[in-house]
Amino acid sequence: MSEWFDFSVEIESMKEVQFTVYDGYVDRCTGTRADCSRAFLTAVPPDLPYNTAELILRNNRISNINDETLQNLKNLSSLDLQDNLLSVVLSDSLPRNLQKLNLAENAFQCSEQASINLTSLQNLKELDLSHNNIELCIPGNLPVGLEVLRLNRVAYNGNLTLSPRQFEHLPALRLLSLEDNNVVEFPGEAIGKLSALTELSLARNRLRVLSDMVLPSLVKLQLLDLSFNDLGQVDTKSFSGIEKSSLMSLSLSGNRMNTVAPSAFSQMPKLTNLTMDQNPWNCGCDLLPLREWLENATVRELLGIAEGHVLNCETPDDLKGQMVSKVPLHYFCGNSSGNTTVPPSTTVHQTTLPTNVTTAIPPTLPPENKLFNFSIDSISEQTVQLSWASNDPHVEFQVSWSSEHSSVRYSGWENGTSFGINSLTPDTKYHICLMAALQGAVEGKEVESSCVSIITIAKHHSVTMTPTGLGLIIALSVCIVIAGLGFFLGRRFKCRRKNGGYHSMKSDG
Protein backbone atom coordinates (compact mmCIF):
# COMPACT_ATOMS: atom_id res chain seq x y z
CA MET A 1 0.00 0.00 0.00
CA SER A 2 1.39 3.39 -1.01
CA GLU A 3 1.62 6.06 1.68
CA TRP A 4 1.78 9.85 1.72
CA PHE A 5 4.39 11.89 3.57
CA ASP A 6 4.61 15.57 4.51
CA PHE A 7 7.99 17.26 4.66
CA SER A 8 9.01 20.66 6.00
CA VAL A 9 12.28 22.06 4.74
CA GLU A 10 13.96 25.14 6.17
CA ILE A 11 15.60 27.24 3.52
CA GLU A 12 18.04 30.13 3.75
CA SER A 13 15.36 32.80 4.07
CA MET A 14 14.20 31.01 7.24
CA LYS A 15 10.77 30.51 5.68
CA GLU A 16 9.30 27.05 5.54
CA VAL A 17 8.08 25.49 2.33
CA GLN A 18 5.58 22.70 2.75
CA PHE A 19 5.53 20.06 -0.01
CA THR A 20 3.76 16.74 -0.29
CA VAL A 21 5.28 13.78 -2.09
CA TYR A 22 4.20 10.33 -3.09
CA ASP A 23 6.45 7.69 -1.52
CA GLY A 24 7.22 6.06 -4.89
CA TYR A 25 8.97 9.21 -6.11
CA VAL A 26 11.94 8.77 -3.77
CA ASP A 27 13.38 5.89 -5.79
CA ARG A 28 13.12 7.85 -9.05
CA CYS A 29 14.10 11.32 -7.92
CA THR A 30 17.81 10.65 -7.55
CA GLY A 31 20.98 10.21 -9.57
CA THR A 32 22.22 12.20 -12.55
CA ARG A 33 18.79 11.78 -14.17
CA ALA A 34 16.27 12.59 -11.46
CA ASP A 35 12.68 11.80 -12.42
CA CYS A 36 10.44 13.59 -9.91
CA SER A 37 7.35 13.67 -12.14
CA ARG A 38 3.79 12.99 -10.95
CA ALA A 39 4.75 13.22 -7.28
CA PHE A 40 2.31 16.02 -6.37
CA LEU A 41 5.23 18.28 -5.46
CA THR A 42 4.42 21.87 -4.56
CA ALA A 43 8.07 22.95 -4.52
CA VAL A 44 11.39 21.82 -5.89
CA PRO A 45 12.85 19.10 -3.59
CA PRO A 46 15.78 20.55 -1.62
CA ASP A 47 17.78 17.34 -1.32
CA LEU A 48 18.53 16.67 -4.99
CA PRO A 49 21.97 15.14 -5.74
CA TYR A 50 24.54 17.83 -6.53
CA ASN A 51 25.55 16.02 -9.75
CA THR A 52 22.05 15.97 -11.23
CA ALA A 53 22.30 16.68 -14.96
CA GLU A 54 18.67 16.11 -15.99
CA LEU A 55 15.76 17.00 -13.72
CA ILE A 56 12.18 16.03 -14.59
CA LEU A 57 9.53 17.85 -12.53
CA ARG A 58 6.59 17.64 -14.92
CA ASN A 59 3.01 16.98 -13.81
CA ASN A 60 3.33 18.47 -10.33
CA ARG A 61 1.87 21.49 -8.50
CA ILE A 62 4.93 23.73 -8.35
CA SER A 63 4.06 27.43 -8.49
CA ASN A 64 7.37 29.06 -7.59
CA ILE A 65 11.02 28.26 -8.39
CA ASN A 66 12.53 31.63 -7.55
CA ASP A 67 14.93 30.46 -4.87
CA GLU A 68 18.44 29.02 -4.83
CA THR A 69 17.47 25.35 -4.94
CA LEU A 70 18.03 24.98 -8.67
CA GLN A 71 20.95 27.38 -8.76
CA ASN A 72 22.96 25.00 -6.60
CA LEU A 73 22.73 22.27 -9.27
CA LYS A 74 25.83 23.34 -11.18
CA ASN A 75 25.74 20.34 -13.56
CA LEU A 76 22.08 20.72 -14.49
CA SER A 77 21.71 20.99 -18.28
CA SER A 78 18.09 19.86 -18.81
CA LEU A 79 15.07 20.97 -16.76
CA ASP A 80 11.51 19.79 -17.45
CA LEU A 81 8.80 21.79 -15.63
CA GLN A 82 5.90 21.01 -17.97
CA ASP A 83 2.39 20.95 -16.53
CA ASN A 84 2.87 22.88 -13.29
CA LEU A 85 1.45 26.14 -11.94
CA LEU A 86 4.29 28.54 -12.71
CA SER A 87 3.38 32.13 -13.61
CA VAL A 88 6.82 33.77 -13.30
CA VAL A 89 10.28 32.48 -14.23
CA LEU A 90 13.41 34.60 -14.00
CA SER A 91 16.82 33.53 -15.22
CA ASP A 92 18.36 34.43 -11.85
CA SER A 93 16.69 31.39 -10.30
CA LEU A 94 18.10 28.93 -12.86
CA PRO A 95 21.61 27.46 -13.25
CA ARG A 96 23.79 29.16 -15.86
CA ASN A 97 24.72 25.91 -17.62
CA LEU A 98 21.11 25.09 -18.49
CA GLN A 99 20.78 24.08 -22.16
CA LYS A 100 17.24 22.70 -22.36
CA LEU A 101 14.16 24.15 -20.60
CA ASN A 102 10.55 22.95 -20.86
CA LEU A 103 7.95 25.39 -19.47
CA ALA A 104 4.95 24.12 -21.46
CA GLU A 105 1.49 23.91 -19.87
CA ASN A 106 1.97 26.33 -17.01
CA ALA A 107 0.11 29.48 -15.96
CA PHE A 108 2.06 32.22 -17.77
CA GLN A 109 -0.04 35.17 -18.95
CA CYS A 110 0.54 38.62 -20.31
CA SER A 111 0.92 41.30 -17.65
CA GLU A 112 2.58 44.66 -17.15
CA GLN A 113 5.72 42.97 -15.81
CA ALA A 114 7.54 40.35 -17.84
CA SER A 115 6.62 36.92 -16.54
CA ILE A 116 9.41 35.20 -18.48
CA ASN A 117 12.93 36.61 -18.54
CA LEU A 118 15.67 34.25 -19.61
CA THR A 119 18.17 36.69 -21.08
CA SER A 120 21.13 35.68 -18.92
CA LEU A 121 20.87 31.96 -19.80
CA GLN A 122 23.46 32.26 -22.55
CA ASN A 123 23.92 28.49 -22.87
CA LEU A 124 20.20 27.78 -23.42
CA LYS A 125 19.62 26.00 -26.74
CA GLU A 126 16.06 24.62 -26.48
CA LEU A 127 12.96 26.27 -25.02
CA ASP A 128 9.34 25.09 -24.98
CA LEU A 129 6.65 27.64 -24.01
CA SER A 130 3.73 25.77 -25.59
CA HIS A 131 0.23 25.80 -24.10
CA ASN A 132 0.62 29.09 -22.26
CA ASN A 133 -1.62 32.09 -22.83
CA ILE A 134 1.12 34.39 -24.14
CA GLU A 135 -0.24 35.20 -27.60
CA LEU A 136 0.17 38.95 -27.13
CA CYS A 137 3.42 38.87 -25.19
CA ILE A 138 5.74 36.31 -26.74
CA PRO A 139 8.95 37.11 -24.88
CA GLY A 140 11.54 39.03 -26.80
CA ASN A 141 14.20 38.75 -24.08
CA LEU A 142 15.34 35.24 -25.00
CA PRO A 143 18.98 34.14 -25.27
CA VAL A 144 20.44 34.98 -28.67
CA GLY A 145 21.97 31.50 -28.94
CA LEU A 146 18.59 29.74 -28.80
CA GLU A 147 18.33 27.05 -31.51
CA VAL A 148 14.94 25.42 -30.83
CA LEU A 149 11.77 27.32 -29.91
CA ARG A 150 8.34 25.73 -29.52
CA LEU A 151 5.29 28.00 -29.25
CA ASN A 152 2.49 25.52 -29.88
CA ARG A 153 -0.98 26.67 -28.87
CA VAL A 154 -0.16 29.99 -27.31
CA ALA A 155 -3.15 31.77 -28.91
CA TYR A 156 -6.06 30.95 -26.60
CA ASN A 157 -8.52 33.62 -27.73
CA GLY A 158 -7.97 34.04 -31.46
CA ASN A 159 -5.44 33.89 -34.29
CA LEU A 160 -1.76 34.16 -33.48
CA THR A 161 -0.48 37.45 -34.83
CA LEU A 162 3.24 37.71 -35.44
CA SER A 163 5.02 41.00 -35.98
CA PRO A 164 7.27 41.41 -39.04
CA ARG A 165 10.38 41.21 -36.84
CA GLN A 166 9.10 38.77 -34.27
CA PHE A 167 12.14 36.50 -34.18
CA GLU A 168 14.92 38.66 -35.61
CA HIS A 169 16.75 38.61 -32.26
CA LEU A 170 17.24 34.82 -32.57
CA PRO A 171 19.75 34.44 -35.43
CA ALA A 172 20.80 30.92 -34.36
CA LEU A 173 17.26 29.50 -34.46
CA ARG A 174 17.11 26.32 -36.54
CA LEU A 175 13.72 24.90 -35.44
CA LEU A 176 10.52 26.91 -34.94
CA SER A 177 7.23 25.24 -34.06
CA LEU A 178 3.99 27.26 -34.16
CA GLU A 179 1.43 24.47 -34.18
CA ASP A 180 -2.24 24.85 -33.26
CA ASN A 181 -2.43 28.65 -33.23
CA ASN A 182 -5.29 29.34 -35.70
CA VAL A 183 -2.83 30.89 -38.15
CA VAL A 184 -4.63 31.77 -41.41
CA GLU A 185 -1.75 33.52 -43.18
CA PHE A 186 1.86 33.10 -42.14
CA PRO A 187 3.92 36.30 -42.39
CA GLY A 188 7.25 35.37 -43.91
CA GLU A 189 8.74 38.62 -42.61
CA ALA A 190 8.59 37.20 -39.08
CA ILE A 191 11.47 34.86 -39.91
CA GLY A 192 13.15 37.21 -42.36
CA LYS A 193 16.59 37.10 -40.74
CA LEU A 194 16.65 33.45 -39.64
CA SER A 195 19.23 32.18 -42.11
CA ALA A 196 19.94 29.16 -39.87
CA LEU A 197 16.29 28.01 -39.81
CA THR A 198 15.91 24.52 -41.31
CA GLU A 199 12.72 23.22 -39.66
CA LEU A 200 9.34 24.99 -39.55
CA SER A 201 6.14 23.42 -38.24
CA LEU A 202 2.80 25.10 -38.90
CA ALA A 203 0.71 21.99 -38.32
CA ARG A 204 -2.89 22.22 -37.03
CA ASN A 205 -3.53 25.78 -38.11
CA ARG A 206 -5.97 27.22 -40.66
CA LEU A 207 -3.77 27.83 -43.70
CA ARG A 208 -5.85 27.69 -46.89
CA VAL A 209 -3.72 28.77 -49.85
CA LEU A 210 -0.16 27.53 -50.16
CA SER A 211 0.90 30.11 -52.72
CA ASP A 212 0.18 32.85 -50.14
CA MET A 213 3.13 31.60 -48.09
CA VAL A 214 6.17 33.57 -49.18
CA LEU A 215 9.36 32.95 -47.23
CA PRO A 216 12.57 34.98 -47.52
CA SER A 217 15.04 33.54 -49.99
CA LEU A 218 17.75 33.17 -47.35
CA VAL A 219 15.52 30.72 -45.42
CA LYS A 220 16.34 27.29 -46.82
CA LEU A 221 14.08 24.84 -45.04
CA GLN A 222 14.81 21.14 -44.90
CA LEU A 223 11.60 20.22 -43.06
CA LEU A 224 8.19 21.86 -43.50
CA ASP A 225 5.15 20.51 -41.64
CA LEU A 226 1.81 21.80 -43.00
CA SER A 227 -0.30 18.88 -41.82
CA PHE A 228 -3.88 19.32 -40.61
CA ASN A 229 -4.61 22.71 -42.10
CA ASP A 230 -7.30 23.70 -44.63
CA LEU A 231 -5.18 23.43 -47.78
CA GLY A 232 -7.01 22.60 -51.01
CA GLN A 233 -5.59 21.56 -54.37
CA VAL A 234 -1.82 21.63 -54.83
CA ASP A 235 -0.29 22.52 -58.19
CA THR A 236 3.11 23.55 -59.53
CA LYS A 237 2.73 27.15 -58.36
CA SER A 238 1.75 26.22 -54.81
CA PHE A 239 5.33 26.35 -53.54
CA SER A 240 6.46 29.30 -55.64
CA GLY A 241 7.17 31.36 -52.53
CA ILE A 242 9.37 28.74 -50.86
CA GLU A 243 12.97 27.75 -51.59
CA LYS A 244 12.39 24.17 -52.79
CA SER A 245 15.91 22.98 -53.60
CA SER A 246 16.79 22.26 -49.95
CA LEU A 247 13.50 20.67 -48.84
CA MET A 248 13.90 17.09 -47.63
CA SER A 249 10.69 16.46 -45.67
CA LEU A 250 7.21 17.82 -46.43
CA SER A 251 4.00 16.90 -44.61
CA LEU A 252 0.61 17.68 -46.19
CA SER A 253 -1.39 15.08 -44.28
CA GLY A 254 -4.85 15.81 -42.94
CA ASN A 255 -5.76 18.72 -45.19
CA ARG A 256 -8.65 19.21 -47.64
CA MET A 257 -6.75 18.21 -50.76
CA ASN A 258 -8.75 16.18 -53.27
CA THR A 259 -6.38 16.57 -56.20
CA VAL A 260 -2.67 17.22 -56.54
CA ALA A 261 -0.32 17.74 -59.47
CA PRO A 262 2.89 15.67 -59.16
CA SER A 263 4.65 18.53 -60.94
CA ALA A 264 4.30 20.50 -57.69
CA PHE A 265 7.23 18.48 -56.34
CA SER A 266 9.34 18.47 -59.50
CA GLN A 267 11.82 21.06 -58.21
CA MET A 268 12.52 19.33 -54.90
CA PRO A 269 15.56 17.15 -55.74
CA LYS A 270 16.39 16.36 -52.09
CA LEU A 271 12.86 15.38 -51.05
CA THR A 272 12.95 11.99 -49.29
CA ASN A 273 9.80 12.16 -47.17
CA LEU A 274 6.39 13.32 -48.41
CA THR A 275 3.18 12.52 -46.51
CA MET A 276 -0.27 13.24 -47.97
CA ASP A 277 -2.50 10.72 -46.20
CA GLN A 278 -5.82 11.62 -44.52
CA ASN A 279 -6.94 13.85 -47.40
CA PRO A 280 -10.34 13.50 -49.16
CA TRP A 281 -8.99 12.32 -52.52
CA ASN A 282 -11.39 12.52 -55.47
CA CYS A 283 -10.42 9.57 -57.67
CA GLY A 284 -11.48 11.15 -60.94
CA CYS A 285 -9.89 12.74 -63.99
CA ASP A 286 -7.89 15.36 -62.13
CA LEU A 287 -6.20 12.75 -59.93
CA LEU A 288 -4.98 10.62 -62.84
CA PRO A 289 -1.50 12.24 -62.96
CA LEU A 290 -1.04 11.32 -59.28
CA ARG A 291 -2.30 7.78 -59.92
CA GLU A 292 0.19 7.40 -62.77
CA TRP A 293 2.92 8.79 -60.50
CA LEU A 294 2.15 6.09 -57.95
CA GLU A 295 3.11 3.43 -60.50
CA ASN A 296 6.72 4.23 -59.63
CA ALA A 297 8.01 2.22 -56.66
CA THR A 298 10.33 5.07 -55.66
CA VAL A 299 7.34 7.40 -55.40
CA ARG A 300 5.45 4.94 -53.21
CA GLU A 301 8.49 4.77 -50.94
CA LEU A 302 8.70 8.57 -50.90
CA LEU A 303 5.07 8.77 -49.75
CA GLY A 304 5.61 6.18 -47.03
CA ILE A 305 2.69 4.07 -48.21
CA ALA A 306 4.26 0.89 -46.85
CA GLU A 307 4.61 2.60 -43.45
CA GLY A 308 0.89 3.34 -43.22
CA HIS A 309 0.64 6.76 -44.91
CA VAL A 310 -2.02 5.42 -47.27
CA LEU A 311 -3.87 7.60 -49.79
CA ASN A 312 -7.54 6.58 -49.86
CA CYS A 313 -10.32 7.67 -52.21
CA GLU A 314 -13.10 9.73 -50.64
CA THR A 315 -15.12 10.12 -53.83
CA PRO A 316 -16.77 8.79 -55.96
CA ASP A 317 -18.89 6.63 -53.66
CA ASP A 318 -18.08 3.37 -55.43
CA LEU A 319 -14.35 3.90 -54.74
CA LYS A 320 -14.62 5.35 -51.24
CA GLY A 321 -12.09 3.83 -48.84
CA GLN A 322 -10.00 2.19 -51.55
CA MET A 323 -6.28 2.90 -51.85
CA VAL A 324 -5.55 5.29 -54.70
CA SER A 325 -2.54 3.21 -55.73
CA LYS A 326 -4.70 0.08 -56.01
CA VAL A 327 -7.50 1.54 -58.17
CA PRO A 328 -6.99 0.42 -61.82
CA LEU A 329 -6.01 3.22 -64.17
CA HIS A 330 -9.04 2.74 -66.41
CA TYR A 331 -11.33 3.73 -63.52
CA PHE A 332 -10.05 7.29 -63.79
CA CYS A 333 -11.90 9.39 -66.40
CA GLY A 334 -13.84 6.35 -67.54
CA ASN A 335 -16.56 8.42 -69.20
CA SER A 336 -16.80 11.43 -71.50
CA SER A 337 -18.14 13.72 -68.81
CA GLY A 338 -14.68 14.37 -67.37
CA ASN A 339 -12.45 17.36 -67.88
CA THR A 340 -10.30 15.86 -70.63
CA THR A 341 -10.90 16.07 -74.36
CA VAL A 342 -8.57 13.14 -74.94
CA PRO A 343 -9.66 10.27 -72.64
CA PRO A 344 -6.65 9.18 -70.54
CA SER A 345 -7.62 5.55 -71.00
CA THR A 346 -7.13 5.85 -74.77
CA THR A 347 -3.89 4.38 -76.14
CA VAL A 348 -2.66 5.92 -79.37
CA HIS A 349 -0.77 3.04 -81.05
CA GLN A 350 1.95 4.32 -83.33
CA THR A 351 0.30 6.48 -86.03
CA THR A 352 -3.24 5.24 -85.45
CA LEU A 353 -5.04 8.06 -83.66
CA PRO A 354 -8.42 7.84 -81.91
CA THR A 355 -11.34 9.53 -83.61
CA ASN A 356 -11.30 12.48 -81.23
CA VAL A 357 -7.63 13.28 -81.86
CA THR A 358 -6.94 15.05 -85.14
CA THR A 359 -3.78 15.20 -87.19
CA ALA A 360 -4.60 17.89 -89.72
CA ILE A 361 -7.30 19.99 -88.07
CA PRO A 362 -6.12 22.07 -85.09
CA PRO A 363 -8.06 21.78 -81.82
CA THR A 364 -11.25 23.80 -81.68
CA LEU A 365 -11.89 26.42 -79.04
CA PRO A 366 -13.31 24.90 -75.85
CA PRO A 367 -16.75 25.64 -74.39
CA GLU A 368 -17.05 28.40 -71.79
CA ASN A 369 -16.77 26.02 -68.82
CA LYS A 370 -13.35 24.71 -69.90
CA LEU A 371 -9.92 26.29 -70.17
CA PHE A 372 -8.70 24.44 -73.28
CA ASN A 373 -8.95 21.66 -75.86
CA PHE A 374 -5.86 19.83 -77.09
CA SER A 375 -4.84 17.29 -79.71
CA ILE A 376 -1.94 15.04 -80.69
CA ASP A 377 -0.74 16.26 -84.09
CA SER A 378 1.94 13.71 -84.98
CA ILE A 379 3.88 10.75 -83.61
CA SER A 380 7.22 9.44 -84.84
CA GLU A 381 9.95 7.17 -83.52
CA GLN A 382 11.33 9.74 -81.08
CA THR A 383 8.98 12.72 -81.15
CA VAL A 384 5.40 13.65 -80.36
CA GLN A 385 3.86 16.96 -81.39
CA LEU A 386 0.79 18.33 -79.61
CA SER A 387 -1.17 21.57 -79.79
CA TRP A 388 -4.04 23.19 -77.94
CA ALA A 389 -6.53 26.04 -78.08
CA SER A 390 -7.94 28.28 -75.35
CA ASN A 391 -10.42 31.16 -75.17
CA ASP A 392 -8.45 32.92 -72.45
CA PRO A 393 -5.08 34.54 -73.31
CA HIS A 394 -4.10 34.50 -69.62
CA VAL A 395 -3.96 30.72 -69.38
CA GLU A 396 -0.50 29.16 -68.91
CA PHE A 397 0.27 25.59 -69.94
CA GLN A 398 2.69 22.89 -68.85
CA VAL A 399 3.35 19.52 -70.51
CA SER A 400 4.45 16.39 -68.61
CA TRP A 401 5.45 13.01 -70.00
CA SER A 402 6.67 9.71 -68.60
CA SER A 403 7.00 6.03 -69.43
CA GLU A 404 7.19 2.86 -67.39
CA HIS A 405 10.98 3.05 -67.46
CA SER A 406 11.47 6.80 -67.00
CA SER A 407 10.51 9.38 -64.41
CA VAL A 408 8.09 12.22 -65.07
CA ARG A 409 9.54 15.16 -66.99
CA TYR A 410 8.01 18.61 -67.31
CA SER A 411 8.13 21.60 -69.60
CA GLY A 412 8.02 25.12 -68.22
CA TRP A 413 4.81 27.09 -67.78
CA GLU A 414 4.22 28.97 -71.02
CA ASN A 415 1.52 30.85 -72.94
CA GLY A 416 2.17 28.98 -76.21
CA THR A 417 -0.24 26.82 -78.23
CA SER A 418 1.98 23.87 -79.14
CA PHE A 419 4.84 21.76 -77.85
CA GLY A 420 7.14 19.09 -79.24
CA ILE A 421 8.49 16.26 -77.09
CA ASN A 422 11.85 14.98 -78.36
CA SER A 423 14.40 12.24 -77.58
CA LEU A 424 11.77 9.58 -76.89
CA THR A 425 12.37 5.84 -77.16
CA PRO A 426 10.84 4.09 -80.21
CA ASP A 427 8.01 1.60 -79.71
CA THR A 428 7.43 2.75 -76.12
CA LYS A 429 4.23 3.73 -74.30
CA TYR A 430 4.25 7.27 -72.91
CA HIS A 431 1.72 9.04 -70.72
CA ILE A 432 1.40 12.69 -71.74
CA CYS A 433 -0.52 15.35 -69.81
CA LEU A 434 -1.29 18.97 -70.57
CA MET A 435 -1.97 21.11 -67.51
CA ALA A 436 -3.49 24.59 -67.60
CA ALA A 437 -3.65 27.26 -64.91
CA LEU A 438 -5.25 30.68 -65.07
CA GLN A 439 -2.73 33.37 -64.15
CA GLY A 440 -3.52 35.00 -60.83
CA ALA A 441 -6.38 32.65 -60.06
CA VAL A 442 -7.09 31.43 -56.56
CA GLU A 443 -5.26 28.16 -56.09
CA GLY A 444 -7.26 25.11 -57.09
CA LYS A 445 -10.14 27.07 -58.67
CA GLU A 446 -9.05 27.38 -62.29
CA VAL A 447 -6.79 24.42 -62.98
CA GLU A 448 -7.44 21.71 -65.55
CA SER A 449 -5.47 18.78 -66.89
CA SER A 450 -5.89 16.49 -69.85
CA CYS A 451 -3.93 13.29 -70.44
CA VAL A 452 -3.45 10.66 -73.13
CA SER A 453 -1.28 7.58 -73.61
CA ILE A 454 0.60 7.05 -76.88
CA ILE A 455 3.04 4.50 -78.28
CA THR A 456 5.89 5.81 -80.39
CA ILE A 457 6.55 4.25 -83.79
CA ALA A 458 8.80 1.19 -83.89
CA LYS A 459 12.25 1.84 -85.29
CA HIS A 460 12.74 0.73 -88.94
CA HIS A 461 15.94 -1.30 -89.30
CA SER A 462 18.16 -0.45 -92.32
CA VAL A 463 21.31 -2.12 -93.70
CA THR A 464 24.52 -0.26 -92.99
CA MET A 465 26.88 -0.45 -95.99
CA THR A 466 30.60 -0.84 -95.30
CA PRO A 467 33.22 0.03 -97.97
CA THR A 468 34.09 -3.68 -98.41
CA GLY A 469 30.49 -4.64 -98.87
CA LEU A 470 30.01 -1.83 -101.36
CA GLY A 471 33.02 -3.04 -103.41
CA LEU A 472 31.64 -6.59 -103.53
CA ILE A 473 28.31 -5.33 -104.78
CA ILE A 474 29.98 -3.24 -107.52
CA ALA A 475 32.14 -6.21 -108.61
CA LEU A 476 29.11 -8.50 -108.67
CA SER A 477 27.21 -5.95 -110.74
CA VAL A 478 30.05 -5.77 -113.32
CA CYS A 479 30.15 -9.55 -113.62
CA ILE A 480 26.42 -9.67 -114.17
CA VAL A 481 26.67 -7.04 -116.94
CA ILE A 482 29.53 -8.91 -118.68
CA ALA A 483 27.74 -12.22 -118.45
CA GLY A 484 24.59 -10.67 -119.88
CA LEU A 485 26.53 -9.13 -122.77
CA GLY A 486 28.19 -12.45 -123.56
CA PHE A 487 24.89 -14.23 -123.62
CA PHE A 488 23.52 -11.65 -126.05
CA LEU A 489 26.46 -11.92 -128.47
CA GLY A 490 26.32 -15.68 -128.32
CA ARG A 491 22.80 -15.54 -129.57
CA ARG A 492 23.77 -13.27 -132.53
CA PHE A 493 26.80 -15.21 -133.76
CA LYS A 494 27.92 -18.80 -133.88
CA CYS A 495 31.57 -19.25 -133.18
CA ARG A 496 33.71 -22.21 -134.20
CA ARG A 497 37.34 -22.97 -134.23
CA LYS A 498 38.99 -23.41 -137.73
CA ASN A 499 42.66 -23.75 -138.85
CA GLY A 500 43.99 -22.95 -135.47
CA GLY A 501 41.87 -19.80 -135.19
CA TYR A 502 38.30 -18.63 -135.06
CA HIS A 503 35.98 -18.07 -137.97
CA SER A 504 32.90 -15.99 -137.46
CA MET A 505 29.79 -16.62 -139.39
CA LYS A 506 26.56 -14.85 -139.40
CA SER A 507 23.76 -16.65 -137.75
CA ASP A 508 21.53 -18.54 -140.05
CA GLY A 509 18.56 -17.19 -138.29
Foldseek 3Di string as FASTA:
>chain_A
DWDKDWDWDQDPVRDIDIWIFTVVQVVQQADLARANDPGQTQADDQPYDLNHAEYAHDHHAHADQQDQSQQSNQNHAYYHHAQYAYAADELVSHHLNHAYYEHDNYEHEDDPDDRYANQSNQNHAEYEHEHYQCLPPDDPNHHLAHAYYEHEHNPPPAARDADLCRPVSNQNHAEYEHEQRQHAADRQSNCQRNLNHAYYEHDHHAHEAQLRHAHHPSHAYQYYEHDQYAYEEEELNSCVRHDQQNHAEYEHANYAYQAYAPNNNVNRVNHQAYAHANYAHAQAQRRLNVLVQLLDPSVCNNHVVVVPSFHAHNDDPVRGGPTSNPDDSCVYQVDPPDQAQARAVDEAEAFRDDPSADQPDADDEDPPVHAKHKHWHHFAFFKTKIFMDGPDQQKWKKKWKDFSPGHIDIDDTHSHGMDMGGRHHGQTKMKMKMKIDGPPDGPPPHIDMYIYIYTHHHDDDDDDDDPVNVVVVVVVVVVVVVVVVVVVVVVQWPWDQDPNHIDIDGDPD
